Amino acid sequence: MTVLDAMADPALFASAFPPTKSWAAWRSLPAACFGLPMTDEQRACYREHTGRQTPTTRPAREAWLIVGRRGGKSRIAALVAVYLACFRDYRPVLAPGERGTLPIIAADRRIGMRSWA
């Protein structure tokens, strides 16, 4: 199961990602980050937002996103974290008895913003 399959599965995350235009761009992000095949719509969105013509077929090691308030980033971060925690096998990289940890760090208020007036 890919992250896009999990995102669309009614038994998993589909209710959190309605099939609206506002979520269409977000469906392109996991496809790009995980190096998954893209639909024509996803490729068009990828080109528009990255300036690149051809999506990579390899998973990204890191992704940086600039997203405004209420842009959906927390929901996507939760999707990716739960997908990675539940649908990936980390036994080959963990020592016997070792437990993997997947931290998610986010600010919940303005940090470092000062009024100079």
PDB file of N, CA and C in Angstrom:
ATOM      1  N   MET A   1       0.845  -1.179   0.000  1.00  0.00           N
ATOM      2  CA  MET A   1       0.000   0.000   0.000  1.00  0.00           C
ATOM      3  C   MET A   1       0.886   1.237   0.000  1.00  0.00           C
ATOM      4  N   THR A   2       0.624   2.163  -0.910  1.00  0.00           N
ATOM      5  CA  THR A   2       1.373   3.415  -0.943  1.00  0.00           C
ATOM      6  C   THR A   2       0.695   4.447  -0.054  1.00  0.00           C
ATOM      7  N   VAL A   3       1.381   5.537   0.198  1.00  0.00           N
ATOM      8  CA  VAL A   3       0.803   6.617   0.986  1.00  0.00           C
ATOM      9  C   VAL A   3      -0.430   7.197   0.277  1.00  0.00           C
ATOM     10  N   LEU A   4      -0.423   7.214  -1.055  1.00  0.00           N
ATOM     11  CA  LEU A   4      -1.599   7.700  -1.785  1.00  0.00           C
ATOM     12  C   LEU A   4      -2.773   6.734  -1.649  1.00  0.00           C
ATOM     13  N   ASP A   5      -2.498   5.441  -1.628  1.00  0.00           N
ATOM     14  CA  ASP A   5      -3.556   4.452  -1.396  1.00  0.00           C
ATOM     15  C   ASP A   5      -4.167   4.662  -0.012  1.00  0.00           C
ATOM     16  N   ALA A   6      -3.306   4.859   0.990  1.00  0.00           N
ATOM     17  CA  ALA A   6      -3.780   5.070   2.358  1.00  0.00           C
ATOM     18  C   ALA A   6      -4.596   6.359   2.455  1.00  0.00           C
ATOM     19  N   MET A   7      -4.154   7.391   1.739  1.00  0.00           N
ATOM     20  CA  MET A   7      -4.842   8.679   1.746  1.00  0.00           C
ATOM     21  C   MET A   7      -6.247   8.573   1.158  1.00  0.00           C
ATOM     22  N   ALA A   8      -6.422   7.683   0.180  1.00  0.00           N
ATOM     23  CA  ALA A   8      -7.707   7.527  -0.510  1.00  0.00           C
ATOM     24  C   ALA A   8      -8.586   6.427   0.068  1.00  0.00           C
ATOM     25  N   ASP A   9      -8.064   5.622   0.967  1.00  0.00           N
ATOM     26  CA  ASP A   9      -8.803   4.477   1.503  1.00  0.00           C
ATOM     27  C   ASP A   9      -9.846   4.932   2.520  1.00  0.00           C
ATOM     28  N   PRO A  10     -11.143   4.639   2.279  1.00  0.00           N
ATOM     29  CA  PRO A  10     -12.196   5.047   3.220  1.00  0.00           C
ATOM     30  C   PRO A  10     -12.026   4.455   4.617  1.00  0.00           C
ATOM     31  N   ALA A  11     -11.366   3.315   4.719  1.00  0.00           N
ATOM     32  CA  ALA A  11     -11.151   2.702   6.020  1.00  0.00           C
ATOM     33  C   ALA A  11      -9.966   3.334   6.757  1.00  0.00           C
ATOM     34  N   LEU A  12      -9.198   4.160   6.066  1.00  0.00           N
ATOM     35  CA  LEU A  12      -8.031   4.782   6.690  1.00  0.00           C
ATOM     36  C   LEU A  12      -8.191   6.305   6.748  1.00  0.00           C
ATOM     37  N   PHE A  13      -7.746   7.014   5.731  1.00  0.00           N
ATOM     38  CA  PHE A  13      -7.648   8.471   5.819  1.00  0.00           C
ATOM     39  C   PHE A  13      -8.521   9.259   4.851  1.00  0.00           C
ATOM     40  N   ALA A  14      -9.317   8.606   4.027  1.00  0.00           N
ATOM     41  CA  ALA A  14     -10.086   9.316   2.995  1.00  0.00           C
ATOM     42  C   ALA A  14     -10.983  10.409   3.567  1.00  0.00           C
ATOM     43  N   SER A  15     -11.549  10.194   4.728  1.00  0.00           N
ATOM     44  CA  SER A  15     -12.447  11.206   5.288  1.00  0.00           C
ATOM     45  C   SER A  15     -11.707  12.488   5.668  1.00  0.00           C
ATOM     46  N   ALA A  16     -10.417  12.395   5.891  1.00  0.00           N
ATOM     47  CA  ALA A  16      -9.616  13.578   6.236  1.00  0.00           C
ATOM     48  C   ALA A  16      -9.161  14.351   5.008  1.00  0.00           C
ATOM     49  N   PHE A  17      -9.287  13.729   3.819  1.00  0.00           N
ATOM     50  CA  PHE A  17      -8.826  14.344   2.579  1.00  0.00           C
ATOM     51  C   PHE A  17      -9.911  14.261   1.514  1.00  0.00           C
ATOM     52  N   PRO A  18     -10.929  15.095   1.623  1.00  0.00           N
ATOM     53  CA  PRO A  18     -12.041  15.035   0.662  1.00  0.00           C
ATOM     54  C   PRO A  18     -11.547  15.309  -0.760  1.00  0.00           C
ATOM     55  N   PRO A  19     -12.230  14.763  -1.749  1.00  0.00           N
ATOM     56  CA  PRO A  19     -11.806  14.930  -3.147  1.00  0.00           C
ATOM     57  C   PRO A  19     -12.149  16.319  -3.694  1.00  0.00           C
ATOM     58  N   THR A  20     -11.604  17.347  -3.060  1.00  0.00           N
ATOM     59  CA  THR A  20     -11.843  18.718  -3.486  1.00  0.00           C
ATOM     60  C   THR A  20     -10.599  19.258  -4.178  1.00  0.00           C
ATOM     61  N   LYS A  21     -10.770  20.353  -4.890  1.00  0.00           N
ATOM     62  CA  LYS A  21      -9.645  20.956  -5.597  1.00  0.00           C
ATOM     63  C   LYS A  21      -8.554  21.390  -4.622  1.00  0.00           C
ATOM     64  N   SER A  22      -8.943  21.844  -3.436  1.00  0.00           N
ATOM     65  CA  SER A  22      -7.943  22.306  -2.470  1.00  0.00           C
ATOM     66  C   SER A  22      -7.010  21.187  -2.019  1.00  0.00           C
ATOM     67  N   TRP A  23      -7.485  19.947  -2.037  1.00  0.00           N
ATOM     68  CA  TRP A  23      -6.621  18.829  -1.647  1.00  0.00           C
ATOM     69  C   TRP A  23      -5.890  18.207  -2.842  1.00  0.00           C
ATOM     70  N   ALA A  24      -6.210  18.618  -4.048  1.00  0.00           N
ATOM     71  CA  ALA A  24      -5.553  18.048  -5.233  1.00  0.00           C
ATOM     72  C   ALA A  24      -4.050  18.305  -5.211  1.00  0.00           C
ATOM     73  N   ALA A  25      -3.648  19.516  -4.867  1.00  0.00           N
ATOM     74  CA  ALA A  25      -2.211  19.820  -4.799  1.00  0.00           C
ATOM     75  C   ALA A  25      -1.529  18.984  -3.724  1.00  0.00           C
ATOM     76  N   TRP A  26      -2.215  18.791  -2.601  1.00  0.00           N
ATOM     77  CA  TRP A  26      -1.627  17.982  -1.532  1.00  0.00           C
ATOM     78  C   TRP A  26      -1.451  16.529  -1.954  1.00  0.00           C
ATOM     79  N   ARG A  27      -2.264  16.039  -2.852  1.00  0.00           N
ATOM     80  CA  ARG A  27      -2.083  14.664  -3.333  1.00  0.00           C
ATOM     81  C   ARG A  27      -0.831  14.546  -4.191  1.00  0.00           C
ATOM     82  N   SER A  28      -0.404  15.644  -4.786  1.00  0.00           N
ATOM     83  CA  SER A  28       0.823  15.642  -5.584  1.00  0.00           C
ATOM     84  C   SER A  28       2.059  15.543  -4.698  1.00  0.00           C
ATOM     85  N   LEU A  29       1.989  16.125  -3.517  1.00  0.00           N
ATOM     86  CA  LEU A  29       3.160  16.142  -2.639  1.00  0.00           C
ATOM     87  C   LEU A  29       3.610  14.747  -2.217  1.00  0.00           C
ATOM     88  N   PRO A  30       2.745  13.901  -1.655  1.00  0.00           N
ATOM     89  CA  PRO A  30       3.220  12.563  -1.289  1.00  0.00           C
ATOM     90  C   PRO A  30       3.703  11.767  -2.502  1.00  0.00           C
ATOM     91  N   ALA A  31       3.039  11.953  -3.634  1.00  0.00           N
ATOM     92  CA  ALA A  31       3.489  11.262  -4.849  1.00  0.00           C
ATOM     93  C   ALA A  31       4.917  11.668  -5.175  1.00  0.00           C
ATOM     94  N   ALA A  32       5.196  12.964  -5.113  1.00  0.00           N
ATOM     95  CA  ALA A  32       6.545  13.456  -5.415  1.00  0.00           C
ATOM     96  C   ALA A  32       7.544  13.012  -4.350  1.00  0.00           C
ATOM     97  N   CYS A  33       7.187  13.165  -3.089  1.00  0.00           N
ATOM     98  CA  CYS A  33       8.126  12.842  -2.008  1.00  0.00           C
ATOM     99  C   CYS A  33       8.448  11.353  -1.909  1.00  0.00           C
ATOM    100  N   PHE A  34       7.482  10.518  -2.252  1.00  0.00           N
ATOM    101  CA  PHE A  34       7.707   9.080  -2.179  1.00  0.00           C
ATOM    102  C   PHE A  34       8.138   8.490  -3.524  1.00  0.00           C
ATOM    103  N   GLY A  35       8.286   9.342  -4.542  1.00  0.00           N
ATOM    104  CA  GLY A  35       8.719   8.868  -5.853  1.00  0.00           C
ATOM    105  C   GLY A  35       7.718   7.955  -6.523  1.00  0.00           C
ATOM    106  N   LEU A  36       6.429   8.246  -6.332  1.00  0.00           N
ATOM    107  CA  LEU A  36       5.364   7.398  -6.873  1.00  0.00           C
ATOM    108  C   LEU A  36       4.941   7.878  -8.259  1.00  0.00           C
ATOM    109  N   PRO A  37       4.370   6.982  -9.057  1.00  0.00           N
ATOM    110  CA  PRO A  37       3.818   7.420 -10.341  1.00  0.00           C
ATOM    111  C   PRO A  37       2.736   8.472 -10.104  1.00  0.00           C
ATOM    112  N   MET A  38       2.672   9.451 -11.006  1.00  0.00           N
ATOM    113  CA  MET A  38       1.712  10.545 -10.861  1.00  0.00           C
ATOM    114  C   MET A  38       0.686  10.533 -11.985  1.00  0.00           C
ATOM    115  N   THR A  39      -0.486  11.023 -11.641  1.00  0.00           N
ATOM    116  CA  THR A  39      -1.511  11.254 -12.669  1.00  0.00           C
ATOM    117  C   THR A  39      -1.110  12.495 -13.469  1.00  0.00           C
ATOM    118  N   ASP A  40      -1.794  12.730 -14.565  1.00  0.00           N
ATOM    119  CA  ASP A  40      -1.532  13.940 -15.351  1.00  0.00           C
ATOM    120  C   ASP A  40      -1.751  15.191 -14.508  1.00  0.00           C
ATOM    121  N   GLU A  41      -2.813  15.186 -13.713  1.00  0.00           N
ATOM    122  CA  GLU A  41      -3.113  16.330 -12.845  1.00  0.00           C
ATOM    123  C   GLU A  41      -1.998  16.550 -11.815  1.00  0.00           C
ATOM    124  N   GLN A  42      -1.503  15.465 -11.233  1.00  0.00           N
ATOM    125  CA  GLN A  42      -0.425  15.577 -10.252  1.00  0.00           C
ATOM    126  C   GLN A  42       0.865  16.077 -10.898  1.00  0.00           C
ATOM    127  N   ARG A  43       1.174  15.587 -12.100  1.00  0.00           N
ATOM    128  CA  ARG A  43       2.369  16.057 -12.802  1.00  0.00           C
ATOM    129  C   ARG A  43       2.265  17.545 -13.117  1.00  0.00           C
ATOM    130  N   ALA A  44       1.095  18.009 -13.544  1.00  0.00           N
ATOM    131  CA  ALA A  44       0.891  19.427 -13.836  1.00  0.00           C
ATOM    132  C   ALA A  44       1.098  20.267 -12.576  1.00  0.00           C
ATOM    133  N   CYS A  45       0.575  19.809 -11.470  1.00  0.00           N
ATOM    134  CA  CYS A  45       0.729  20.507 -10.193  1.00  0.00           C
ATOM    135  C   CYS A  45       2.208  20.514  -9.778  1.00  0.00           C
ATOM    136  N   TYR A  46       2.866  19.381  -9.940  1.00  0.00           N
ATOM    137  CA  TYR A  46       4.293  19.266  -9.623  1.00  0.00           C
ATOM    138  C   TYR A  46       5.098  20.283 -10.436  1.00  0.00           C
ATOM    139  N   ARG A  47       4.846  20.359 -11.720  1.00  0.00           N
ATOM    140  CA  ARG A  47       5.556  21.301 -12.597  1.00  0.00           C
ATOM    141  C   ARG A  47       5.300  22.750 -12.172  1.00  0.00           C
ATOM    142  N   GLU A  48       4.041  23.040 -11.889  1.00  0.00           N
ATOM    143  CA  GLU A  48       3.673  24.400 -11.500  1.00  0.00           C
ATOM    144  C   GLU A  48       4.372  24.841 -10.224  1.00  0.00           C
ATOM    145  N   HIS A  49       4.450  23.955  -9.242  1.00  0.00           N
ATOM    146  CA  HIS A  49       4.964  24.332  -7.928  1.00  0.00           C
ATOM    147  C   HIS A  49       6.459  24.121  -7.755  1.00  0.00           C
ATOM    148  N   THR A  50       7.093  23.336  -8.627  1.00  0.00           N
ATOM    149  CA  THR A  50       8.533  23.103  -8.477  1.00  0.00           C
ATOM    150  C   THR A  50       9.356  23.729  -9.589  1.00  0.00           C
ATOM    151  N   GLY A  51       8.732  24.004 -10.725  1.00  0.00           N
ATOM    152  CA  GLY A  51       9.473  24.503 -11.870  1.00  0.00           C
ATOM    153  C   GLY A  51      10.243  23.415 -12.598  1.00  0.00           C
ATOM    154  N   ARG A  52      10.092  22.197 -12.170  1.00  0.00           N
ATOM    155  CA  ARG A  52      10.762  21.057 -12.798  1.00  0.00           C
ATOM    156  C   ARG A  52       9.805  20.386 -13.759  1.00  0.00           C
ATOM    157  N   GLN A  53      10.330  19.832 -14.820  1.00  0.00           N
ATOM    158  CA  GLN A  53       9.488  19.199 -15.834  1.00  0.00           C
ATOM    159  C   GLN A  53       9.206  17.732 -15.543  1.00  0.00           C
ATOM    160  N   THR A  54      10.186  17.031 -14.996  1.00  0.00           N
ATOM    161  CA  THR A  54      10.054  15.592 -14.798  1.00  0.00           C
ATOM    162  C   THR A  54      10.155  15.237 -13.320  1.00  0.00           C
ATOM    163  N   PRO A  55       9.112  14.649 -12.768  1.00  0.00           N
ATOM    164  CA  PRO A  55       9.181  14.226 -11.359  1.00  0.00           C
ATOM    165  C   PRO A  55      10.201  13.103 -11.185  1.00  0.00           C
ATOM    166  N   THR A  56      10.836  13.096 -10.045  1.00  0.00           N
ATOM    167  CA  THR A  56      11.771  12.022  -9.732  1.00  0.00           C
ATOM    168  C   THR A  56      11.010  10.736  -9.430  1.00  0.00           C
ATOM    169  N   THR A  57      11.652   9.627  -9.645  1.00  0.00           N
ATOM    170  CA  THR A  57      11.037   8.335  -9.315  1.00  0.00           C
ATOM    171  C   THR A  57      11.647   7.758  -8.047  1.00  0.00           C
ATOM    172  N   ARG A  58      12.541   8.509  -7.440  1.00  0.00           N
ATOM    173  CA  ARG A  58      13.165   8.065  -6.186  1.00  0.00           C
ATOM    174  C   ARG A  58      12.553   8.822  -5.007  1.00  0.00           C
ATOM    175  N   PRO A  59      12.395   8.160  -3.880  1.00  0.00           N
ATOM    176  CA  PRO A  59      11.863   8.865  -2.703  1.00  0.00           C
ATOM    177  C   PRO A  59      12.812   9.973  -2.246  1.00  0.00           C
ATOM    178  N   ALA A  60      12.252  11.060  -1.772  1.00  0.00           N
ATOM    179  CA  ALA A  60      13.045  12.166  -1.241  1.00  0.00           C
ATOM    180  C   ALA A  60      13.550  11.811   0.151  1.00  0.00           C
ATOM    181  N   ARG A  61      14.708  12.327   0.469  1.00  0.00           N
ATOM    182  CA  ARG A  61      15.237  12.151   1.828  1.00  0.00           C
ATOM    183  C   ARG A  61      14.778  13.294   2.730  1.00  0.00           C
ATOM    184  N   GLU A  62      14.383  14.391   2.101  1.00  0.00           N
ATOM    185  CA  GLU A  62      14.009  15.582   2.854  1.00  0.00           C
ATOM    186  C   GLU A  62      13.101  16.441   1.975  1.00  0.00           C
ATOM    187  N   ALA A  63      12.177  17.143   2.591  1.00  0.00           N
ATOM    188  CA  ALA A  63      11.304  18.059   1.847  1.00  0.00           C
ATOM    189  C   ALA A  63      11.102  19.318   2.676  1.00  0.00           C
ATOM    190  N   TRP A  64      11.198  20.450   2.023  1.00  0.00           N
ATOM    191  CA  TRP A  64      10.963  21.742   2.667  1.00  0.00           C
ATOM    192  C   TRP A  64       9.748  22.366   2.011  1.00  0.00           C
ATOM    193  N   LEU A  65       8.795  22.781   2.822  1.00  0.00           N
ATOM    194  CA  LEU A  65       7.548  23.338   2.301  1.00  0.00           C
ATOM    195  C   LEU A  65       7.284  24.695   2.940  1.00  0.00           C
ATOM    196  N   ILE A  66       6.790  25.609   2.155  1.00  0.00           N
ATOM    197  CA  ILE A  66       6.356  26.894   2.681  1.00  0.00           C
ATOM    198  C   ILE A  66       4.835  26.910   2.540  1.00  0.00           C
ATOM    199  N   VAL A  67       4.166  26.854   3.682  1.00  0.00           N
ATOM    200  CA  VAL A  67       2.709  26.739   3.688  1.00  0.00           C
ATOM    201  C   VAL A  67       2.167  27.701   4.735  1.00  0.00           C
ATOM    202  N   GLY A  68       1.168  28.457   4.373  1.00  0.00           N
ATOM    203  CA  GLY A  68       0.573  29.415   5.291  1.00  0.00           C
ATOM    204  C   GLY A  68      -0.321  28.757   6.327  1.00  0.00           C
ATOM    205  N   ARG A  69      -0.820  29.589   7.229  1.00  0.00           N
ATOM    206  CA  ARG A  69      -1.756  29.118   8.253  1.00  0.00           C
ATOM    207  C   ARG A  69      -2.943  28.437   7.615  1.00  0.00           C
ATOM    208  N   ARG A  70      -3.375  27.368   8.216  1.00  0.00           N
ATOM    209  CA  ARG A  70      -4.557  26.616   7.790  1.00  0.00           C
ATOM    210  C   ARG A  70      -4.420  26.083   6.362  1.00  0.00           C
ATOM    211  N   GLY A  71      -3.178  25.819   5.962  1.00  0.00           N
ATOM    212  CA  GLY A  71      -2.915  25.333   4.612  1.00  0.00           C
ATOM    213  C   GLY A  71      -2.977  23.827   4.467  1.00  0.00           C
ATOM    214  N   GLY A  72      -3.112  23.096   5.556  1.00  0.00           N
ATOM    215  CA  GLY A  72      -3.211  21.645   5.491  1.00  0.00           C
ATOM    216  C   GLY A  72      -1.943  20.905   5.876  1.00  0.00           C
ATOM    217  N   LYS A  73      -0.905  21.632   6.270  1.00  0.00           N
ATOM    218  CA  LYS A  73       0.378  20.991   6.552  1.00  0.00           C
ATOM    219  C   LYS A  73       0.343  20.019   7.737  1.00  0.00           C
ATOM    220  N   SER A  74      -0.416  20.334   8.765  1.00  0.00           N
ATOM    221  CA  SER A  74      -0.488  19.425   9.922  1.00  0.00           C
ATOM    222  C   SER A  74      -1.164  18.114   9.544  1.00  0.00           C
ATOM    223  N   ARG A  75      -2.201  18.207   8.728  1.00  0.00           N
ATOM    224  CA  ARG A  75      -2.914  17.000   8.307  1.00  0.00           C
ATOM    225  C   ARG A  75      -2.015  16.120   7.437  1.00  0.00           C
ATOM    226  N   ILE A  76      -1.261  16.736   6.535  1.00  0.00           N
ATOM    227  CA  ILE A  76      -0.357  15.981   5.673  1.00  0.00           C
ATOM    228  C   ILE A  76       0.785  15.399   6.496  1.00  0.00           C
ATOM    229  N   ALA A  77       1.331  16.177   7.435  1.00  0.00           N
ATOM    230  CA  ALA A  77       2.405  15.669   8.294  1.00  0.00           C
ATOM    231  C   ALA A  77       1.925  14.462   9.096  1.00  0.00           C
ATOM    232  N   ALA A  78       0.697  14.528   9.607  1.00  0.00           N
ATOM    233  CA  ALA A  78       0.140  13.404  10.353  1.00  0.00           C
ATOM    234  C   ALA A  78      -0.046  12.187   9.448  1.00  0.00           C
ATOM    235  N   LEU A  79      -0.553  12.407   8.238  1.00  0.00           N
ATOM    236  CA  LEU A  79      -0.714  11.310   7.282  1.00  0.00           C
ATOM    237  C   LEU A  79       0.614  10.617   7.022  1.00  0.00           C
ATOM    238  N   VAL A  80       1.633  11.398   6.701  1.00  0.00           N
ATOM    239  CA  VAL A  80       2.940  10.823   6.379  1.00  0.00           C
ATOM    240  C   VAL A  80       3.523  10.101   7.593  1.00  0.00           C
ATOM    241  N   ALA A  81       3.413  10.702   8.775  1.00  0.00           N
ATOM    242  CA  ALA A  81       3.954  10.076   9.980  1.00  0.00           C
ATOM    243  C   ALA A  81       3.260   8.753  10.294  1.00  0.00           C
ATOM    244  N   VAL A  82       1.937   8.743  10.239  1.00  0.00           N
ATOM    245  CA  VAL A  82       1.202   7.499  10.533  1.00  0.00           C
ATOM    246  C   VAL A  82       1.495   6.455   9.463  1.00  0.00           C
ATOM    247  N   TYR A  83       1.556   6.879   8.209  1.00  0.00           N
ATOM    248  CA  TYR A  83       1.887   5.932   7.133  1.00  0.00           C
ATOM    249  C   TYR A  83       3.269   5.319   7.363  1.00  0.00           C
ATOM    250  N   LEU A  84       4.260   6.161   7.635  1.00  0.00           N
ATOM    251  CA  LEU A  84       5.617   5.646   7.849  1.00  0.00           C
ATOM    252  C   LEU A  84       5.693   4.743   9.079  1.00  0.00           C
ATOM    253  N   ALA A  85       4.966   5.104  10.127  1.00  0.00           N
ATOM    254  CA  ALA A  85       5.001   4.304  11.353  1.00  0.00           C
ATOM    255  C   ALA A  85       4.273   2.967  11.206  1.00  0.00           C
ATOM    256  N   CYS A  86       3.195   2.941  10.431  1.00  0.00           N
ATOM    257  CA  CYS A  86       2.348   1.739  10.367  1.00  0.00           C
ATOM    258  C   CYS A  86       2.586   0.850   9.154  1.00  0.00           C
ATOM    259  N   PHE A  87       3.061   1.420   8.063  1.00  0.00           N
ATOM    260  CA  PHE A  87       3.135   0.646   6.824  1.00  0.00           C
ATOM    261  C   PHE A  87       4.551   0.410   6.319  1.00  0.00           C
ATOM    262  N   ARG A  88       5.539   0.745   7.103  1.00  0.00           N
ATOM    263  CA  ARG A  88       6.930   0.489   6.732  1.00  0.00           C
ATOM    264  C   ARG A  88       7.542  -0.469   7.747  1.00  0.00           C
ATOM    265  N   ASP A  89       8.415  -1.333   7.272  1.00  0.00           N
ATOM    266  CA  ASP A  89       9.099  -2.287   8.139  1.00  0.00           C
ATOM    267  C   ASP A  89      10.511  -1.772   8.414  1.00  0.00           C
ATOM    268  N   TYR A  90      10.793  -1.427   9.654  1.00  0.00           N
ATOM    269  CA  TYR A  90      12.094  -0.874  10.023  1.00  0.00           C
ATOM    270  C   TYR A  90      13.003  -1.910  10.683  1.00  0.00           C
ATOM    271  N   ARG A  91      12.557  -3.151  10.745  1.00  0.00           N
ATOM    272  CA  ARG A  91      13.381  -4.181  11.388  1.00  0.00           C
ATOM    273  C   ARG A  91      14.780  -4.289  10.801  1.00  0.00           C
ATOM    274  N   PRO A  92      14.959  -4.131   9.485  1.00  0.00           N
ATOM    275  CA  PRO A  92      16.323  -4.241   8.952  1.00  0.00           C
ATOM    276  C   PRO A  92      17.290  -3.154   9.455  1.00  0.00           C
ATOM    277  N   VAL A  93      16.777  -2.018   9.929  1.00  0.00           N
ATOM    278  CA  VAL A  93      17.664  -0.939  10.366  1.00  0.00           C
ATOM    279  C   VAL A  93      17.656  -0.719  11.875  1.00  0.00           C
ATOM    280  N   LEU A  94      16.821  -1.458  12.600  1.00  0.00           N
ATOM    281  CA  LEU A  94      16.783  -1.342  14.054  1.00  0.00           C
ATOM    282  C   LEU A  94      17.473  -2.544  14.682  1.00  0.00           C
ATOM    283  N   ALA A  95      18.164  -2.292  15.790  1.00  0.00           N
ATOM    284  CA  ALA A  95      18.784  -3.385  16.536  1.00  0.00           C
ATOM    285  C   ALA A  95      17.690  -4.189  17.234  1.00  0.00           C
ATOM    286  N   PRO A  96      17.944  -5.464  17.535  1.00  0.00           N
ATOM    287  CA  PRO A  96      16.932  -6.255  18.252  1.00  0.00           C
ATOM    288  C   PRO A  96      16.497  -5.547  19.542  1.00  0.00           C
ATOM    289  N   GLY A  97      15.195  -5.388  19.715  1.00  0.00           N
ATOM    290  CA  GLY A  97      14.643  -4.732  20.894  1.00  0.00           C
ATOM    291  C   GLY A  97      14.582  -3.214  20.798  1.00  0.00           C
ATOM    292  N   GLU A  98      15.229  -2.650  19.798  1.00  0.00           N
ATOM    293  CA  GLU A  98      15.211  -1.196  19.640  1.00  0.00           C
ATOM    294  C   GLU A  98      13.849  -0.750  19.119  1.00  0.00           C
ATOM    295  N   ARG A  99      13.359   0.362  19.606  1.00  0.00           N
ATOM    296  CA  ARG A  99      12.075   0.895  19.189  1.00  0.00           C
ATOM    297  C   ARG A  99      12.309   2.173  18.390  1.00  0.00           C
ATOM    298  N   GLY A 100      11.740   2.238  17.201  1.00  0.00           N
ATOM    299  CA  GLY A 100      11.865   3.433  16.373  1.00  0.00           C
ATOM    300  C   GLY A 100      10.979   4.547  16.897  1.00  0.00           C
ATOM    301  N   THR A 101      11.401   5.767  16.688  1.00  0.00           N
ATOM    302  CA  THR A 101      10.644   6.941  17.107  1.00  0.00           C
ATOM    303  C   THR A 101      10.510   7.870  15.922  1.00  0.00           C
ATOM    304  N   LEU A 102       9.341   8.405  15.731  1.00  0.00           N
ATOM    305  CA  LEU A 102       9.073   9.305  14.622  1.00  0.00           C
ATOM    306  C   LEU A 102       8.587  10.636  15.193  1.00  0.00           C
ATOM    307  N   PRO A 103       9.512  11.588  15.430  1.00  0.00           N
ATOM    308  CA  PRO A 103       9.081  12.863  16.016  1.00  0.00           C
ATOM    309  C   PRO A 103       8.443  13.785  14.987  1.00  0.00           C
ATOM    310  N   ILE A 104       7.457  14.522  15.421  1.00  0.00           N
ATOM    311  CA  ILE A 104       6.865  15.599  14.627  1.00  0.00           C
ATOM    312  C   ILE A 104       6.973  16.844  15.491  1.00  0.00           C
ATOM    313  N   ILE A 105       7.617  17.857  14.959  1.00  0.00           N
ATOM    314  CA  ILE A 105       7.843  19.081  15.720  1.00  0.00           C
ATOM    315  C   ILE A 105       7.161  20.227  14.995  1.00  0.00           C
ATOM    316  N   ALA A 106       6.360  20.971  15.739  1.00  0.00           N
ATOM    317  CA  ALA A 106       5.658  22.104  15.136  1.00  0.00           C
ATOM    318  C   ALA A 106       5.481  23.203  16.176  1.00  0.00           C
ATOM    319  N   ALA A 107       5.555  24.429  15.721  1.00  0.00           N
ATOM    320  CA  ALA A 107       5.293  25.566  16.596  1.00  0.00           C
ATOM    321  C   ALA A 107       3.789  25.802  16.651  1.00  0.00           C
ATOM    322  N   ASP A 108       3.301  26.190  17.813  1.00  0.00           N
ATOM    323  CA  ASP A 108       1.874  26.453  17.940  1.00  0.00           C
ATOM    324  C   ASP A 108       1.586  27.934  18.167  1.00  0.00           C
ATOM    325  N   ARG A 109       2.605  28.769  18.053  1.00  0.00           N
ATOM    326  CA  ARG A 109       2.422  30.210  18.187  1.00  0.00           C
ATOM    327  C   ARG A 109       3.617  30.906  17.536  1.00  0.00           C
ATOM    328  N   ARG A 110       3.551  32.219  17.440  1.00  0.00           N
ATOM    329  CA  ARG A 110       4.655  32.969  16.853  1.00  0.00           C
ATOM    330  C   ARG A 110       5.906  32.805  17.708  1.00  0.00           C
ATOM    331  N   ILE A 111       6.990  32.464  17.050  1.00  0.00           N
ATOM    332  CA  ILE A 111       8.259  32.294  17.744  1.00  0.00           C
ATOM    333  C   ILE A 111       9.278  33.206  17.084  1.00  0.00           C
ATOM    334  N   GLY A 112       9.963  33.998  17.868  1.00  0.00           N
ATOM    335  CA  GLY A 112      11.013  34.837  17.339  1.00  0.00           C
ATOM    336  C   GLY A 112      10.503  36.070  16.610  1.00  0.00           C
ATOM    337  N   MET A 113       9.227  36.352  16.670  1.00  0.00           N
ATOM    338  CA  MET A 113       8.668  37.526  16.001  1.00  0.00           C
ATOM    339  C   MET A 113       8.547  38.632  17.066  1.00  0.00           C
ATOM    340  N   ARG A 114       9.275  39.704  16.868  1.00  0.00           N
ATOM    341  CA  ARG A 114       9.231  40.804  17.834  1.00  0.00           C
ATOM    342  C   ARG A 114       8.651  42.036  17.165  1.00  0.00           C
ATOM    343  N   SER A 115       7.981  42.809  17.934  1.00  0.00           N
ATOM    344  CA  SER A 115       7.475  44.082  17.431  1.00  0.00           C
ATOM    345  C   SER A 115       8.563  45.126  17.690  1.00  0.00           C
ATOM    346  N   TRP A 116       9.018  45.765  16.639  1.00  0.00           N
ATOM    347  CA  TRP A 116      10.068  46.770  16.767  1.00  0.00           C
ATOM    348  C   TRP A 116       9.480  48.174  16.775  1.00  0.00           C
ATOM    349  N   ALA A 117       8.173  48.284  16.833  1.00  0.00           N
ATOM    350  CA  ALA A 117       7.535  49.615  16.820  1.00  0.00           C
ATOM    351  C   ALA A 117       7.629  50.296  18.155  1.00  0.00           C
TER     352      ALA A 117
END
